[in-house]
Amino acid sequence: MTEPSPRRRGRPSRTAAQESGPGARERILEAARAMFAERGYDKTSVRGIAKAADVDAALVHHYFGTKDEVFAAAIEVSFEPATVVPAIVGGPREAIGERLARFFISVWENPATRAPLLAIIRSALTHEAAAKVLRGFVLRRLLERIAADLDVPEPKFRAELAASHMIGIAILRYVIQVEPLASADPEEIVAQVSPTLQRYLTQP
């Protein structure tokens, strides 16, 4: 009797693919965002995400690969760099700091996108894998692309300065909730932060 061939890691079986049905990838992302936000990086597993999304764990590996990659994909939904970068750099140069600040604050003010961002910030402070995702996505895929499109000296250094400023605000306002920053009007924050971001990203 011939033994069945071993199942390849990361490839869902035909049954698993059929049972997943339409929209499986979206269900996995929604489940991942919710679990990372609620439990953090360490306590979230691919198996747990699969169970919450009602799919086979192999299907999660098939779509995303490792847990790190699922984490990165869940965060990317909040930022959508393909549309964000052109919108920020495409307008008048003298208002790019305001556009970046307004985008950043609007993402954090939206409860639907705030949850996965809280997860990545909290996890990045204690877990290197999460910190790597934060560095790779927020810095390289968003801020460095913005700075590079501006054609200014030392774009990477400027992107890091802008990132440090905005992530610091996120930690104080949304994670630690330090007053009066935590309850300040978003428009006031945008007005105060915009000139600094403008200087980082545009001045020679």
Protein backbone atom coordinates (compact mmCIF):
# COMPACT_ATOMS: atom_id res chain seq x y z
CA MET A 1 0.00 0.00 0.00
CA THR A 2 1.40 3.35 -1.01
CA GLU A 3 1.66 5.93 1.75
CA PRO A 4 0.17 9.36 1.04
CA SER A 5 2.65 12.04 0.10
CA PRO A 6 3.53 14.40 2.95
CA ARG A 7 1.64 17.66 3.12
CA ARG A 8 3.74 20.64 2.08
CA ARG A 9 4.10 23.32 4.75
CA GLY A 10 2.32 26.54 3.89
CA ARG A 11 0.13 24.97 1.22
CA PRO A 12 -3.51 24.47 2.18
CA SER A 13 -5.13 21.18 1.31
CA ARG A 14 -7.87 21.16 -1.31
CA THR A 15 -10.42 20.61 1.45
CA ALA A 16 -9.08 23.54 3.50
CA ALA A 17 -9.14 25.81 0.45
CA GLN A 18 -12.70 24.82 -0.38
CA GLU A 19 -13.90 25.25 3.20
CA SER A 20 -12.34 28.71 3.44
CA GLY A 21 -14.67 30.11 0.78
CA PRO A 22 -14.60 33.63 -0.67
CA GLY A 23 -13.00 36.36 1.39
CA ALA A 24 -10.77 34.03 3.41
CA ARG A 25 -7.79 36.36 3.19
CA GLU A 26 -9.86 39.28 4.48
CA ARG A 27 -11.24 37.18 7.34
CA ILE A 28 -7.71 36.18 8.32
CA LEU A 29 -6.57 39.81 8.34
CA GLU A 30 -9.56 40.91 10.41
CA ALA A 31 -8.95 38.12 12.91
CA ALA A 32 -5.24 38.92 13.06
CA ARG A 33 -5.83 42.63 13.67
CA ALA A 34 -8.29 41.88 16.46
CA MET A 35 -6.07 39.30 18.15
CA PHE A 36 -2.86 41.32 17.93
CA ALA A 37 -4.69 44.34 19.35
CA GLU A 38 -6.23 42.35 22.20
CA ARG A 39 -3.40 39.96 23.10
CA GLY A 40 -0.25 41.58 21.72
CA TYR A 41 2.37 39.92 19.57
CA ASP A 42 3.67 37.29 22.01
CA LYS A 43 0.30 35.80 22.92
CA THR A 44 -1.04 35.64 19.37
CA SER A 45 -0.40 32.52 17.30
CA VAL A 46 -1.05 31.56 13.70
CA ARG A 47 -3.20 28.70 14.94
CA GLY A 48 -5.26 31.11 17.05
CA ILE A 49 -5.72 33.48 14.11
CA ALA A 50 -6.83 30.58 11.93
CA LYS A 51 -9.35 29.44 14.52
CA ALA A 52 -10.80 32.95 14.86
CA ALA A 53 -11.05 33.27 11.07
CA ASP A 54 -12.57 29.76 10.78
CA VAL A 55 -9.90 28.52 8.37
CA ASP A 56 -7.15 25.90 8.38
CA ALA A 57 -3.85 27.15 9.81
CA ALA A 58 -2.14 26.06 6.59
CA LEU A 59 -4.24 28.64 4.74
CA VAL A 60 -2.79 31.40 6.93
CA HIS A 61 0.72 30.21 6.03
CA HIS A 62 -0.30 29.98 2.38
CA TYR A 63 -1.46 33.62 2.21
CA PHE A 64 1.04 35.25 4.56
CA GLY A 65 3.88 32.88 5.51
CA THR A 66 5.13 33.52 9.04
CA LYS A 67 3.51 35.23 12.02
CA ASP A 68 5.73 38.26 11.39
CA GLU A 69 4.32 38.56 7.88
CA VAL A 70 0.74 38.25 9.12
CA PHE A 71 1.53 41.00 11.63
CA ALA A 72 2.98 43.25 8.94
CA ALA A 73 -0.01 42.68 6.64
CA ALA A 74 -2.45 43.48 9.44
CA ILE A 75 -0.66 46.78 10.09
CA GLU A 76 -0.45 47.65 6.40
CA VAL A 77 -4.25 47.69 6.18
CA SER A 78 -4.22 50.70 8.50
CA PHE A 79 -1.64 52.70 6.52
CA GLU A 80 -2.17 51.77 2.84
CA PRO A 81 1.17 53.25 1.72
CA ALA A 82 0.36 52.88 -1.99
CA THR A 83 -2.27 55.61 -1.69
CA VAL A 84 -0.90 57.54 1.28
CA VAL A 85 2.53 58.45 -0.13
CA PRO A 86 1.26 60.06 -3.37
CA ALA A 87 -1.39 61.98 -1.43
CA ILE A 88 1.18 63.38 1.01
CA VAL A 89 3.89 64.30 -1.49
CA GLY A 90 1.56 65.28 -4.33
CA GLY A 91 0.27 68.57 -2.92
CA PRO A 92 1.99 71.89 -2.31
CA ARG A 93 5.46 71.39 -0.84
CA GLU A 94 4.94 74.04 1.84
CA ALA A 95 2.11 72.02 3.41
CA ILE A 96 3.63 68.53 3.41
CA GLY A 97 4.25 68.63 7.18
CA GLU A 98 0.60 69.39 7.80
CA ARG A 99 -0.59 66.66 5.45
CA LEU A 100 1.66 64.08 7.12
CA ALA A 101 0.62 65.13 10.63
CA ARG A 102 -3.06 65.14 9.70
CA PHE A 103 -2.84 61.69 8.13
CA PHE A 104 -0.99 60.25 11.12
CA ILE A 105 -3.40 61.69 13.69
CA SER A 106 -6.46 60.67 11.65
CA VAL A 107 -5.29 57.05 11.57
CA TRP A 108 -4.84 57.03 15.34
CA GLU A 109 -8.15 58.79 15.98
CA ASN A 110 -10.07 56.15 14.01
CA PRO A 111 -10.95 53.29 16.42
CA ALA A 112 -10.84 50.73 13.59
CA THR A 113 -7.24 51.53 12.69
CA ARG A 114 -6.07 52.47 16.18
CA ALA A 115 -6.36 48.94 17.59
CA PRO A 116 -3.70 47.25 15.41
CA LEU A 117 -1.42 50.27 15.80
CA LEU A 118 -1.68 50.02 19.58
CA ALA A 119 -0.76 46.37 19.22
CA ILE A 120 2.37 47.06 17.22
CA ILE A 121 3.54 49.92 19.46
CA ARG A 122 3.04 47.93 22.65
CA SER A 123 4.62 44.81 21.18
CA ALA A 124 7.56 46.66 19.63
CA LEU A 125 8.62 47.95 23.04
CA THR A 126 9.17 44.43 24.35
CA HIS A 127 9.54 42.11 21.33
CA GLU A 128 12.22 42.35 18.65
CA ALA A 129 10.10 40.72 15.94
CA ALA A 130 7.41 43.36 16.38
CA ALA A 131 10.03 46.11 16.50
CA LYS A 132 11.40 44.80 13.21
CA VAL A 133 7.95 45.03 11.62
CA LEU A 134 7.58 48.59 12.90
CA ARG A 135 10.98 49.59 11.52
CA GLY A 136 10.46 47.86 8.22
CA PHE A 137 6.95 49.09 7.54
CA VAL A 138 6.46 52.49 9.15
CA LEU A 139 9.98 53.73 8.47
CA ARG A 140 11.03 52.14 5.18
CA ARG A 141 7.72 51.71 3.42
CA LEU A 142 6.14 54.98 4.48
CA LEU A 143 8.39 57.72 5.83
CA GLU A 144 11.51 56.95 3.81
CA ARG A 145 9.48 56.83 0.61
CA ILE A 146 8.02 60.22 1.44
CA ALA A 147 11.43 61.71 2.19
CA ALA A 148 13.02 60.15 -0.91
CA ASP A 149 10.32 61.63 -3.13
CA LEU A 150 11.10 65.07 -1.73
CA ASP A 151 14.69 64.96 -3.00
CA VAL A 152 16.33 66.36 0.14
CA PRO A 153 19.73 65.54 1.70
CA GLU A 154 19.88 62.61 4.14
CA PRO A 155 16.33 61.36 3.52
CA LYS A 156 16.74 58.33 5.80
CA PHE A 157 17.92 60.42 8.74
CA ARG A 158 15.08 62.89 8.19
CA ALA A 159 12.57 60.05 8.03
CA GLU A 160 13.86 58.70 11.33
CA LEU A 161 13.49 62.10 12.97
CA ALA A 162 9.92 62.41 11.69
CA ALA A 163 9.16 58.88 12.86
CA SER A 164 10.58 59.52 16.33
CA HIS A 165 8.41 62.62 16.67
CA MET A 166 5.17 60.95 15.62
CA ILE A 167 5.72 57.66 17.44
CA GLY A 168 6.55 59.61 20.59
CA ILE A 169 3.22 61.42 20.31
CA ALA A 170 1.43 58.11 19.75
CA ILE A 171 2.97 56.56 22.87
CA LEU A 172 2.19 59.54 25.11
CA ARG A 173 -1.31 60.23 23.77
CA TYR A 174 -2.71 56.77 23.02
CA VAL A 175 -0.65 54.24 25.00
CA ILE A 176 0.37 55.99 28.25
CA GLN A 177 -2.39 58.64 27.91
CA VAL A 178 -0.46 61.50 29.45
CA GLU A 179 -2.51 64.65 30.05
CA PRO A 180 -3.08 67.19 28.64
CA LEU A 181 -1.84 65.59 25.41
CA ALA A 182 -4.21 62.63 25.74
CA SER A 183 -7.33 64.81 25.64
CA ALA A 184 -6.04 67.60 23.38
CA ASP A 185 -8.00 68.46 20.27
CA PRO A 186 -6.51 66.64 17.24
CA GLU A 187 -6.42 69.88 15.26
CA GLU A 188 -4.30 71.49 17.95
CA ILE A 189 -1.82 68.62 17.75
CA VAL A 190 -1.67 68.90 13.96
CA ALA A 191 -1.04 72.65 14.23
CA GLN A 192 1.78 72.20 16.74
CA VAL A 193 3.49 69.25 15.04
CA SER A 194 3.23 70.31 11.39
CA PRO A 195 6.02 72.94 11.40
CA THR A 196 8.51 70.47 12.90
CA LEU A 197 7.68 67.77 10.36
CA GLN A 198 7.87 70.38 7.62
CA ARG A 199 11.38 71.32 8.73
CA TYR A 200 12.52 67.69 8.93
CA LEU A 201 11.29 66.81 5.45
CA THR A 202 11.87 69.90 3.34
CA GLN A 203 14.55 72.26 4.62
CA PRO A 204 18.00 71.84 3.01
